[in-house]
Each structure stands twice: as structure tokens, then as C-alpha cells.
Amino acid sequence: MTDGPMRVVVNDEEQYSVWWSGRELPPGWTATGFEGSRQECLDHIATVWTDMRPLSVRNRAL
């Protein structure tokens, strides 16, 4: 199911995904406040998720 409004969500590891606007979020995920079509959400994620490494991996690299 990819029709209908979507929203951008993020988990504790700062990994992004898209989720249906009308559905309850799965445990561990938080809405970022950005909503739109699936493609708009994916385009937004492409601009904000510049480092694909999970947060725990990035922190170990410091």
C-alpha cells in the first residue's frame, strides 16, 4: 500500500523511513513532522539523511 499521504519517521538510531499518515507508528519510531506523497517524503529523506550510519556507529567513530 503506497497510495495516500505518508510521513517521514525516524528511530533512535537516526535512521529514516516513510510511514502511512493514518496508521499508528511501530514501536521505536517517531514522526518528524514532514508529510506528503511517498515521493515527496523520499525526496525529503534524501536531503536530511546525509550519513546513513546508525547513530551508535557514528558515536563509536568519534
PDB file of N, CA and C in Angstrom:
ATOM      1  N   MET A   1       0.842  -1.178   0.000  1.00  0.00           N
ATOM      2  CA  MET A   1       0.000   0.000   0.000  1.00  0.00           C
ATOM      3  C   MET A   1       0.889   1.242   0.000  1.00  0.00           C
ATOM      4  N   THR A   2       0.939   1.960  -1.102  1.00  0.00           N
ATOM      5  CA  THR A   2       1.759   3.164  -1.183  1.00  0.00           C
ATOM      6  C   THR A   2       0.937   4.390  -1.544  1.00  0.00           C
ATOM      7  N   ASP A   3      -0.370   4.250  -1.739  1.00  0.00           N
ATOM      8  CA  ASP A   3      -1.213   5.395  -2.050  1.00  0.00           C
ATOM      9  C   ASP A   3      -1.577   6.135  -0.771  1.00  0.00           C
ATOM     10  N   GLY A   4      -1.877   7.407  -0.914  1.00  0.00           N
ATOM     11  CA  GLY A   4      -2.303   8.197   0.230  1.00  0.00           C
ATOM     12  C   GLY A   4      -1.153   8.934   0.867  1.00  0.00           C
ATOM     13  N   PRO A   5      -1.487   9.810   1.802  1.00  0.00           N
ATOM     14  CA  PRO A   5      -0.450  10.616   2.442  1.00  0.00           C
ATOM     15  C   PRO A   5       0.486   9.762   3.300  1.00  0.00           C
ATOM     16  N   MET A   6       1.740  10.149   3.259  1.00  0.00           N
ATOM     17  CA  MET A   6       2.771   9.445   4.022  1.00  0.00           C
ATOM     18  C   MET A   6       3.431  10.460   4.951  1.00  0.00           C
ATOM     19  N   ARG A   7       4.222   9.961   5.892  1.00  0.00           N
ATOM     20  CA  ARG A   7       5.006  10.851   6.746  1.00  0.00           C
ATOM     21  C   ARG A   7       6.395  10.277   6.915  1.00  0.00           C
ATOM     22  N   VAL A   8       7.322  11.157   7.214  1.00  0.00           N
ATOM     23  CA  VAL A   8       8.698  10.742   7.455  1.00  0.00           C
ATOM     24  C   VAL A   8       8.827  10.412   8.936  1.00  0.00           C
ATOM     25  N   VAL A   9       9.450   9.274   9.220  1.00  0.00           N
ATOM     26  CA  VAL A   9       9.658   8.841  10.600  1.00  0.00           C
ATOM     27  C   VAL A   9      11.141   8.552  10.809  1.00  0.00           C
ATOM     28  N   VAL A  10      11.553   8.577  12.072  1.00  0.00           N
ATOM     29  CA  VAL A  10      12.951   8.345  12.419  1.00  0.00           C
ATOM     30  C   VAL A  10      12.986   7.492  13.689  1.00  0.00           C
ATOM     31  N   ASN A  11      14.020   6.647  13.801  1.00  0.00           N
ATOM     32  CA  ASN A  11      14.143   5.823  15.003  1.00  0.00           C
ATOM     33  C   ASN A  11      15.266   6.356  15.892  1.00  0.00           C
ATOM     34  N   ASP A  12      15.529   5.677  16.990  1.00  0.00           N
ATOM     35  CA  ASP A  12      16.543   6.118  17.949  1.00  0.00           C
ATOM     36  C   ASP A  12      17.947   6.111  17.364  1.00  0.00           C
ATOM     37  N   GLU A  13      18.162   5.361  16.309  1.00  0.00           N
ATOM     38  CA  GLU A  13      19.471   5.305  15.647  1.00  0.00           C
ATOM     39  C   GLU A  13      19.579   6.359  14.542  1.00  0.00           C
ATOM     40  N   GLU A  14      18.577   7.241  14.471  1.00  0.00           N
ATOM     41  CA  GLU A  14      18.504   8.302  13.464  1.00  0.00           C
ATOM     42  C   GLU A  14      18.487   7.756  12.039  1.00  0.00           C
ATOM     43  N   GLN A  15      17.768   6.642  11.869  1.00  0.00           N
ATOM     44  CA  GLN A  15      17.518   6.063  10.560  1.00  0.00           C
ATOM     45  C   GLN A  15      16.112   6.483  10.145  1.00  0.00           C
ATOM     46  N   TYR A  16      15.957   6.873   8.884  1.00  0.00           N
ATOM     47  CA  TYR A  16      14.699   7.423   8.396  1.00  0.00           C
ATOM     48  C   TYR A  16      13.931   6.396   7.573  1.00  0.00           C
ATOM     49  N   SER A  17      12.607   6.606   7.540  1.00  0.00           N
ATOM     50  CA  SER A  17      11.732   5.774   6.725  1.00  0.00           C
ATOM     51  C   SER A  17      10.454   6.563   6.444  1.00  0.00           C
ATOM     52  N   VAL A  18       9.585   5.982   5.625  1.00  0.00           N
ATOM     53  CA  VAL A  18       8.262   6.566   5.390  1.00  0.00           C
ATOM     54  C   VAL A  18       7.213   5.656   6.006  1.00  0.00           C
ATOM     55  N   TRP A  19       6.118   6.257   6.447  1.00  0.00           N
ATOM     56  CA  TRP A  19       5.039   5.511   7.077  1.00  0.00           C
ATOM     57  C   TRP A  19       3.726   6.175   6.705  1.00  0.00           C
ATOM     58  N   TRP A  20       2.656   5.418   6.635  1.00  0.00           N
ATOM     59  CA  TRP A  20       1.348   5.948   6.282  1.00  0.00           C
ATOM     60  C   TRP A  20       0.870   6.915   7.357  1.00  0.00           C
ATOM     61  N   SER A  21       0.338   8.056   6.936  1.00  0.00           N
ATOM     62  CA  SER A  21      -0.085   9.098   7.880  1.00  0.00           C
ATOM     63  C   SER A  21      -1.188   8.627   8.822  1.00  0.00           C
ATOM     64  N   GLY A  22      -2.095   7.806   8.371  1.00  0.00           N
ATOM     65  CA  GLY A  22      -3.217   7.399   9.200  1.00  0.00           C
ATOM     66  C   GLY A  22      -2.980   6.193  10.079  1.00  0.00           C
ATOM     67  N   ARG A  23      -1.795   5.620  10.031  1.00  0.00           N
ATOM     68  CA  ARG A  23      -1.532   4.399  10.802  1.00  0.00           C
ATOM     69  C   ARG A  23      -0.664   4.690  12.008  1.00  0.00           C
ATOM     70  N   GLU A  24      -0.879   3.922  13.058  1.00  0.00           N
ATOM     71  CA  GLU A  24      -0.077   4.048  14.271  1.00  0.00           C
ATOM     72  C   GLU A  24       1.379   3.687  13.957  1.00  0.00           C
ATOM     73  N   LEU A  25       2.284   4.439  14.532  1.00  0.00           N
ATOM     74  CA  LEU A  25       3.707   4.171  14.291  1.00  0.00           C
ATOM     75  C   LEU A  25       4.139   2.897  15.007  1.00  0.00           C
ATOM     76  N   PRO A  26       5.067   2.163  14.412  1.00  0.00           N
ATOM     77  CA  PRO A  26       5.594   0.993  15.095  1.00  0.00           C
ATOM     78  C   PRO A  26       6.452   1.437  16.285  1.00  0.00           C
ATOM     79  N   PRO A  27       6.605   0.581  17.266  1.00  0.00           N
ATOM     80  CA  PRO A  27       7.430   0.932  18.429  1.00  0.00           C
ATOM     81  C   PRO A  27       8.842   1.348  18.002  1.00  0.00           C
ATOM     82  N   GLY A  28       9.348   2.405  18.645  1.00  0.00           N
ATOM     83  CA  GLY A  28      10.702   2.853  18.380  1.00  0.00           C
ATOM     84  C   GLY A  28      10.820   3.895  17.286  1.00  0.00           C
ATOM     85  N   TRP A  29       9.719   4.276  16.654  1.00  0.00           N
ATOM     86  CA  TRP A  29       9.738   5.258  15.578  1.00  0.00           C
ATOM     87  C   TRP A  29       8.962   6.499  15.994  1.00  0.00           C
ATOM     88  N   THR A  30       9.433   7.676  15.526  1.00  0.00           N
ATOM     89  CA  THR A  30       8.829   8.967  15.842  1.00  0.00           C
ATOM     90  C   THR A  30       8.614   9.734  14.547  1.00  0.00           C
ATOM     91  N   ALA A  31       7.480  10.398  14.436  1.00  0.00           N
ATOM     92  CA  ALA A  31       7.218  11.233  13.266  1.00  0.00           C
ATOM     93  C   ALA A  31       8.087  12.485  13.335  1.00  0.00           C
ATOM     94  N   THR A  32       8.632  12.894  12.192  1.00  0.00           N
ATOM     95  CA  THR A  32       9.487  14.084  12.143  1.00  0.00           C
ATOM     96  C   THR A  32       8.681  15.350  11.912  1.00  0.00           C
ATOM     97  N   GLY A  33       7.436  15.223  11.464  1.00  0.00           N
ATOM     98  CA  GLY A  33       6.609  16.376  11.153  1.00  0.00           C
ATOM     99  C   GLY A  33       6.473  16.627   9.665  1.00  0.00           C
ATOM    100  N   PHE A  34       7.253  15.930   8.845  1.00  0.00           N
ATOM    101  CA  PHE A  34       7.152  16.098   7.396  1.00  0.00           C
ATOM    102  C   PHE A  34       6.151  15.092   6.851  1.00  0.00           C
ATOM    103  N   GLU A  35       5.193  15.573   6.072  1.00  0.00           N
ATOM    104  CA  GLU A  35       4.200  14.710   5.427  1.00  0.00           C
ATOM    105  C   GLU A  35       4.056  15.094   3.970  1.00  0.00           C
ATOM    106  N   GLY A  36       3.654  14.140   3.152  1.00  0.00           N
ATOM    107  CA  GLY A  36       3.428  14.390   1.738  1.00  0.00           C
ATOM    108  C   GLY A  36       3.215  13.076   1.016  1.00  0.00           C
ATOM    109  N   SER A  37       3.400  13.109  -0.296  1.00  0.00           N
ATOM    110  CA  SER A  37       3.315  11.868  -1.068  1.00  0.00           C
ATOM    111  C   SER A  37       4.529  11.008  -0.723  1.00  0.00           C
ATOM    112  N   ARG A  38       4.486   9.770  -1.127  1.00  0.00           N
ATOM    113  CA  ARG A  38       5.618   8.880  -0.868  1.00  0.00           C
ATOM    114  C   ARG A  38       6.893   9.467  -1.470  1.00  0.00           C
ATOM    115  N   GLN A  39       6.807   9.947  -2.711  1.00  0.00           N
ATOM    116  CA  GLN A  39       7.984  10.500  -3.375  1.00  0.00           C
ATOM    117  C   GLN A  39       8.472  11.774  -2.686  1.00  0.00           C
ATOM    118  N   GLU A  40       7.563  12.629  -2.253  1.00  0.00           N
ATOM    119  CA  GLU A  40       7.971  13.836  -1.524  1.00  0.00           C
ATOM    120  C   GLU A  40       8.702  13.470  -0.239  1.00  0.00           C
ATOM    121  N   CYS A  41       8.204  12.460   0.452  1.00  0.00           N
ATOM    122  CA  CYS A  41       8.862  12.014   1.686  1.00  0.00           C
ATOM    123  C   CYS A  41      10.249  11.445   1.387  1.00  0.00           C
ATOM    124  N   LEU A  42      10.352  10.636   0.335  1.00  0.00           N
ATOM    125  CA  LEU A  42      11.653  10.076  -0.029  1.00  0.00           C
ATOM    126  C   LEU A  42      12.629  11.180  -0.441  1.00  0.00           C
ATOM    127  N   ASP A  43      12.143  12.184  -1.149  1.00  0.00           N
ATOM    128  CA  ASP A  43      12.994  13.313  -1.530  1.00  0.00           C
ATOM    129  C   ASP A  43      13.469  14.072  -0.293  1.00  0.00           C
ATOM    130  N   HIS A  44      12.578  14.254   0.668  1.00  0.00           N
ATOM    131  CA  HIS A  44      12.950  14.935   1.912  1.00  0.00           C
ATOM    132  C   HIS A  44      14.021  14.138   2.664  1.00  0.00           C
ATOM    133  N   ILE A  45      13.820  12.834   2.754  1.00  0.00           N
ATOM    134  CA  ILE A  45      14.791  11.985   3.435  1.00  0.00           C
ATOM    135  C   ILE A  45      16.158  12.095   2.755  1.00  0.00           C
ATOM    136  N   ALA A  46      16.169  12.148   1.442  1.00  0.00           N
ATOM    137  CA  ALA A  46      17.435  12.262   0.707  1.00  0.00           C
ATOM    138  C   ALA A  46      18.195  13.537   1.060  1.00  0.00           C
ATOM    139  N   THR A  47      17.481  14.579   1.462  1.00  0.00           N
ATOM    140  CA  THR A  47      18.158  15.832   1.805  1.00  0.00           C
ATOM    141  C   THR A  47      18.593  15.887   3.267  1.00  0.00           C
ATOM    142  N   VAL A  48      17.887  15.189   4.160  1.00  0.00           N
ATOM    143  CA  VAL A  48      18.215  15.294   5.587  1.00  0.00           C
ATOM    144  C   VAL A  48      19.046  14.133   6.122  1.00  0.00           C
ATOM    145  N   TRP A  49      19.012  12.993   5.459  1.00  0.00           N
ATOM    146  CA  TRP A  49      19.745  11.824   5.953  1.00  0.00           C
ATOM    147  C   TRP A  49      21.052  11.729   5.178  1.00  0.00           C
ATOM    148  N   THR A  50      22.028  12.488   5.625  1.00  0.00           N
ATOM    149  CA  THR A  50      23.282  12.600   4.882  1.00  0.00           C
ATOM    150  C   THR A  50      24.318  11.568   5.303  1.00  0.00           C
ATOM    151  N   ASP A  51      24.149  10.975   6.462  1.00  0.00           N
ATOM    152  CA  ASP A  51      25.073   9.942   6.943  1.00  0.00           C
ATOM    153  C   ASP A  51      24.245   8.722   7.306  1.00  0.00           C
ATOM    154  N   MET A  52      24.312   7.691   6.478  1.00  0.00           N
ATOM    155  CA  MET A  52      23.455   6.512   6.639  1.00  0.00           C
ATOM    156  C   MET A  52      23.865   5.605   7.798  1.00  0.00           C
ATOM    157  N   ARG A  53      25.012   5.874   8.397  1.00  0.00           N
ATOM    158  CA  ARG A  53      25.430   5.013   9.506  1.00  0.00           C
ATOM    159  C   ARG A  53      24.513   5.225  10.707  1.00  0.00           C
ATOM    160  N   PRO A  54      24.148   4.144  11.404  1.00  0.00           N
ATOM    161  CA  PRO A  54      23.349   4.305  12.620  1.00  0.00           C
ATOM    162  C   PRO A  54      24.083   5.192  13.630  1.00  0.00           C
ATOM    163  N   LEU A  55      23.342   5.868  14.480  1.00  0.00           N
ATOM    164  CA  LEU A  55      23.911   6.779  15.467  1.00  0.00           C
ATOM    165  C   LEU A  55      24.962   6.090  16.333  1.00  0.00           C
ATOM    166  N   SER A  56      24.696   4.864  16.762  1.00  0.00           N
ATOM    167  CA  SER A  56      25.647   4.162  17.625  1.00  0.00           C
ATOM    168  C   SER A  56      26.980   3.935  16.912  1.00  0.00           C
ATOM    169  N   VAL A  57      26.963   3.689  15.631  1.00  0.00           N
ATOM    170  CA  VAL A  57      28.203   3.508  14.866  1.00  0.00           C
ATOM    171  C   VAL A  57      28.915   4.839  14.713  1.00  0.00           C
ATOM    172  N   ARG A  58      28.174   5.904  14.415  1.00  0.00           N
ATOM    173  CA  ARG A  58      28.798   7.227  14.294  1.00  0.00           C
ATOM    174  C   ARG A  58      29.451   7.640  15.596  1.00  0.00           C
ATOM    175  N   ASN A  59      28.793   7.366  16.723  1.00  0.00           N
ATOM    176  CA  ASN A  59      29.348   7.742  18.030  1.00  0.00           C
ATOM    177  C   ASN A  59      30.623   6.972  18.352  1.00  0.00           C
ATOM    178  N   ARG A  60      30.708   5.726  17.920  1.00  0.00           N
ATOM    179  CA  ARG A  60      31.918   4.928  18.167  1.00  0.00           C
ATOM    180  C   ARG A  60      33.093   5.439  17.348  1.00  0.00           C
ATOM    181  N   ALA A  61      32.802   6.092  16.215  1.00  0.00           N
ATOM    182  CA  ALA A  61      33.863   6.586  15.339  1.00  0.00           C
ATOM    183  C   ALA A  61      34.507   7.858  15.882  1.00  0.00           C
ATOM    184  N   LEU A  62      33.886   8.477  16.892  1.00  0.00           N
ATOM    185  CA  LEU A  62      34.429   9.731  17.430  1.00  0.00           C
ATOM    186  C   LEU A  62      35.626   9.521  18.319  1.00  0.00           C
TER     187      LEU A  62
END
